[in-house]
Amino acid sequence: MTDSPSRARRVLIVSANPLFREGLRKLYAERWGEQSATVAMLTSLEEALPALETRPDLVIVDYDDKAINREVFMKRFVDGEAPMQVMLVSLGESGQVVVYDRRTLTFAQAEDWLNNPWTE
């Protein structure tokens, strides 16, 4: 993932709830403005898994959606190699957002992280 200010952040939104999908899209677009690019708004796990191969920067998943098997989705996320973040958002548990960040580190970066994983 590049931190270039001119590059749009590519996002996938996955939820069977159309109001939730649209609300997330609007929040993301308002927050990031010209740096946001919604790649797709998907409604099922069957659509989401192949879409991970498009290498989005961020995937926002409706944590409460019963149509999305979180275990299968997270296994695919963990097994992948491209840098990506996944955000699990819950309507039922307001205030609860879980973010996973998959990135590749050099040996030196990994060593630094192992020495103190709680620093930025």
C-alpha atoms as a PDB file:
ATOM      1  CA  MET A   1       0.000   0.000   0.000  1.00  0.00           C
ATOM      2  CA  THR A   2       1.473   3.321  -1.052  1.00  0.00           C
ATOM      3  CA  ASP A   3       1.009   6.467   1.014  1.00  0.00           C
ATOM      4  CA  SER A   4       1.140   8.687  -2.061  1.00  0.00           C
ATOM      5  CA  PRO A   5      -1.369  11.517  -1.535  1.00  0.00           C
ATOM      6  CA  SER A   6      -2.261  11.554  -5.240  1.00  0.00           C
ATOM      7  CA  ARG A   7      -3.217   7.873  -5.435  1.00  0.00           C
ATOM      8  CA  ALA A   8      -6.810   6.983  -4.717  1.00  0.00           C
ATOM      9  CA  ARG A   9      -7.402   4.350  -2.047  1.00  0.00           C
ATOM     10  CA  ARG A  10      -9.319   1.444  -3.564  1.00  0.00           C
ATOM     11  CA  VAL A  11     -12.090   0.052  -1.359  1.00  0.00           C
ATOM     12  CA  LEU A  12     -14.462  -2.912  -1.520  1.00  0.00           C
ATOM     13  CA  ILE A  13     -17.621  -2.809   0.590  1.00  0.00           C
ATOM     14  CA  VAL A  14     -19.266  -6.148   1.377  1.00  0.00           C
ATOM     15  CA  SER A  15     -22.767  -6.307   2.864  1.00  0.00           C
ATOM     16  CA  ALA A  16     -26.138  -7.697   1.835  1.00  0.00           C
ATOM     17  CA  ASN A  17     -27.758  -4.640   3.454  1.00  0.00           C
ATOM     18  CA  PRO A  18     -28.081  -1.935   0.741  1.00  0.00           C
ATOM     19  CA  LEU A  19     -28.500   0.913   3.257  1.00  0.00           C
ATOM     20  CA  PHE A  20     -25.425  -0.186   5.192  1.00  0.00           C
ATOM     21  CA  ARG A  21     -23.357  -0.482   1.975  1.00  0.00           C
ATOM     22  CA  GLU A  22     -24.404   2.973   0.808  1.00  0.00           C
ATOM     23  CA  GLY A  23     -23.843   4.510   4.242  1.00  0.00           C
ATOM     24  CA  LEU A  24     -20.325   3.083   4.399  1.00  0.00           C
ATOM     25  CA  ARG A  25     -19.599   4.311   0.876  1.00  0.00           C
ATOM     26  CA  LYS A  26     -20.752   7.830   1.732  1.00  0.00           C
ATOM     27  CA  LEU A  27     -18.722   7.932   4.961  1.00  0.00           C
ATOM     28  CA  TYR A  28     -15.631   6.721   3.166  1.00  0.00           C
ATOM     29  CA  ALA A  29     -16.089   9.181   0.274  1.00  0.00           C
ATOM     30  CA  GLU A  30     -16.679  12.111   2.653  1.00  0.00           C
ATOM     31  CA  ARG A  31     -13.617  11.256   4.713  1.00  0.00           C
ATOM     32  CA  TRP A  32     -11.187  10.667   1.847  1.00  0.00           C
ATOM     33  CA  GLY A  33     -12.683  12.846  -0.910  1.00  0.00           C
ATOM     34  CA  GLU A  34     -10.632  12.668  -4.093  1.00  0.00           C
ATOM     35  CA  GLN A  35      -8.404  10.001  -2.557  1.00  0.00           C
ATOM     36  CA  SER A  36     -11.311   7.542  -2.392  1.00  0.00           C
ATOM     37  CA  ALA A  37     -12.239   5.132  -5.139  1.00  0.00           C
ATOM     38  CA  THR A  38     -14.992   2.625  -4.428  1.00  0.00           C
ATOM     39  CA  VAL A  39     -14.041  -0.415  -6.491  1.00  0.00           C
ATOM     40  CA  ALA A  40     -17.184  -2.419  -5.778  1.00  0.00           C
ATOM     41  CA  MET A  41     -20.117  -2.793  -3.427  1.00  0.00           C
ATOM     42  CA  LEU A  42     -20.718  -6.523  -3.077  1.00  0.00           C
ATOM     43  CA  THR A  43     -23.507  -8.494  -1.457  1.00  0.00           C
ATOM     44  CA  SER A  44     -22.095 -11.982  -0.853  1.00  0.00           C
ATOM     45  CA  LEU A  45     -19.045 -14.036   0.040  1.00  0.00           C
ATOM     46  CA  GLU A  46     -19.099 -15.549  -3.463  1.00  0.00           C
ATOM     47  CA  GLU A  47     -18.599 -12.061  -4.933  1.00  0.00           C
ATOM     48  CA  ALA A  48     -16.119 -10.906  -2.290  1.00  0.00           C
ATOM     49  CA  LEU A  49     -13.552 -13.705  -2.481  1.00  0.00           C
ATOM     50  CA  PRO A  50     -12.627 -13.222  -6.162  1.00  0.00           C
ATOM     51  CA  ALA A  51     -12.726  -9.438  -5.670  1.00  0.00           C
ATOM     52  CA  LEU A  52      -9.850  -9.727  -3.175  1.00  0.00           C
ATOM     53  CA  GLU A  53      -7.664 -10.598  -6.175  1.00  0.00           C
ATOM     54  CA  THR A  54      -8.188  -7.045  -7.535  1.00  0.00           C
ATOM     55  CA  ARG A  55      -5.876  -5.898  -4.705  1.00  0.00           C
ATOM     56  CA  PRO A  56      -8.011  -3.278  -2.993  1.00  0.00           C
ATOM     57  CA  ASP A  57      -6.352  -1.189  -0.296  1.00  0.00           C
ATOM     58  CA  LEU A  58      -9.282  -1.602   2.077  1.00  0.00           C
ATOM     59  CA  VAL A  59     -12.133  -4.097   2.376  1.00  0.00           C
ATOM     60  CA  ILE A  60     -15.029  -3.066   4.624  1.00  0.00           C
ATOM     61  CA  VAL A  61     -17.132  -6.058   5.697  1.00  0.00           C
ATOM     62  CA  ASP A  62     -20.522  -6.059   7.441  1.00  0.00           C
ATOM     63  CA  TYR A  63     -19.617  -8.142  10.499  1.00  0.00           C
ATOM     64  CA  ASP A  64     -23.270  -8.972  11.244  1.00  0.00           C
ATOM     65  CA  ASP A  65     -24.144 -10.200   7.738  1.00  0.00           C
ATOM     66  CA  LYS A  66     -25.142 -13.873   8.059  1.00  0.00           C
ATOM     67  CA  ALA A  67     -24.557 -14.381   4.306  1.00  0.00           C
ATOM     68  CA  ILE A  68     -20.834 -13.771   4.800  1.00  0.00           C
ATOM     69  CA  ASN A  69     -18.932 -16.617   6.403  1.00  0.00           C
ATOM     70  CA  ARG A  70     -16.329 -14.628   8.342  1.00  0.00           C
ATOM     71  CA  GLU A  71     -14.141 -17.686   8.900  1.00  0.00           C
ATOM     72  CA  VAL A  72     -13.851 -18.410   5.155  1.00  0.00           C
ATOM     73  CA  PHE A  73     -13.374 -14.728   4.336  1.00  0.00           C
ATOM     74  CA  MET A  74     -10.626 -14.210   6.940  1.00  0.00           C
ATOM     75  CA  LYS A  75      -8.823 -17.393   5.869  1.00  0.00           C
ATOM     76  CA  ARG A  76      -8.652 -16.065   2.305  1.00  0.00           C
ATOM     77  CA  PHE A  77      -7.461 -12.705   3.614  1.00  0.00           C
ATOM     78  CA  VAL A  78      -4.733 -14.288   5.756  1.00  0.00           C
ATOM     79  CA  ASP A  79      -3.629 -16.619   2.941  1.00  0.00           C
ATOM     80  CA  GLY A  80      -3.183 -13.715   0.498  1.00  0.00           C
ATOM     81  CA  GLU A  81       0.032 -11.831  -0.093  1.00  0.00           C
ATOM     82  CA  ALA A  82      -0.909  -8.344  -1.340  1.00  0.00           C
ATOM     83  CA  PRO A  83      -0.876  -5.491   1.207  1.00  0.00           C
ATOM     84  CA  MET A  84      -4.462  -4.843   2.273  1.00  0.00           C
ATOM     85  CA  GLN A  85      -6.554  -3.808   5.250  1.00  0.00           C
ATOM     86  CA  VAL A  86      -9.842  -5.413   6.264  1.00  0.00           C
ATOM     87  CA  MET A  87     -12.266  -3.555   8.498  1.00  0.00           C
ATOM     88  CA  LEU A  88     -15.108  -5.490  10.149  1.00  0.00           C
ATOM     89  CA  VAL A  89     -17.951  -3.114  10.983  1.00  0.00           C
ATOM     90  CA  SER A  90     -20.965  -4.088  13.091  1.00  0.00           C
ATOM     91  CA  LEU A  91     -24.380  -2.431  13.136  1.00  0.00           C
ATOM     92  CA  GLY A  92     -25.395  -4.504  16.142  1.00  0.00           C
ATOM     93  CA  GLU A  93     -22.437  -3.553  18.313  1.00  0.00           C
ATOM     94  CA  SER A  94     -22.060   0.166  17.748  1.00  0.00           C
ATOM     95  CA  GLY A  95     -18.591   1.473  18.352  1.00  0.00           C
ATOM     96  CA  GLN A  96     -17.028  -1.890  17.530  1.00  0.00           C
ATOM     97  CA  VAL A  97     -14.701  -1.873  14.517  1.00  0.00           C
ATOM     98  CA  VAL A  98     -11.983  -4.480  14.026  1.00  0.00           C
ATOM     99  CA  VAL A  99      -9.147  -3.725  11.589  1.00  0.00           C
ATOM    100  CA  TYR A 100      -6.699  -6.271  10.199  1.00  0.00           C
ATOM    101  CA  ASP A 101      -3.630  -5.072   8.309  1.00  0.00           C
ATOM    102  CA  ARG A 102      -1.747  -7.426   6.011  1.00  0.00           C
ATOM    103  CA  ARG A 103       1.619  -6.081   4.944  1.00  0.00           C
ATOM    104  CA  THR A 104       5.065  -7.297   4.056  1.00  0.00           C
ATOM    105  CA  LEU A 105       7.988  -6.302   6.254  1.00  0.00           C
ATOM    106  CA  THR A 106      11.692  -6.485   5.665  1.00  0.00           C
ATOM    107  CA  PHE A 107      13.686  -8.598   8.099  1.00  0.00           C
ATOM    108  CA  ALA A 108      14.851  -5.431   9.897  1.00  0.00           C
ATOM    109  CA  GLN A 109      11.277  -4.102  10.164  1.00  0.00           C
ATOM    110  CA  ALA A 110      10.058  -7.459  11.491  1.00  0.00           C
ATOM    111  CA  GLU A 111      12.895  -7.546  14.008  1.00  0.00           C
ATOM    112  CA  ASP A 112      12.019  -4.012  15.192  1.00  0.00           C
ATOM    113  CA  TRP A 113       8.365  -5.009  15.479  1.00  0.00           C
ATOM    114  CA  LEU A 114       9.215  -8.136  17.465  1.00  0.00           C
ATOM    115  CA  ASN A 115      11.264  -6.029  19.882  1.00  0.00           C
ATOM    116  CA  ASN A 116       8.317  -3.678  20.495  1.00  0.00           C
ATOM    117  CA  PRO A 117       5.080  -4.449  18.586  1.00  0.00           C
ATOM    118  CA  TRP A 118       3.164  -1.664  20.344  1.00  0.00           C
ATOM    119  CA  THR A 119       5.004   1.295  18.824  1.00  0.00           C
ATOM    120  CA  GLU A 120       3.966   2.948  15.577  1.00  0.00           C
END
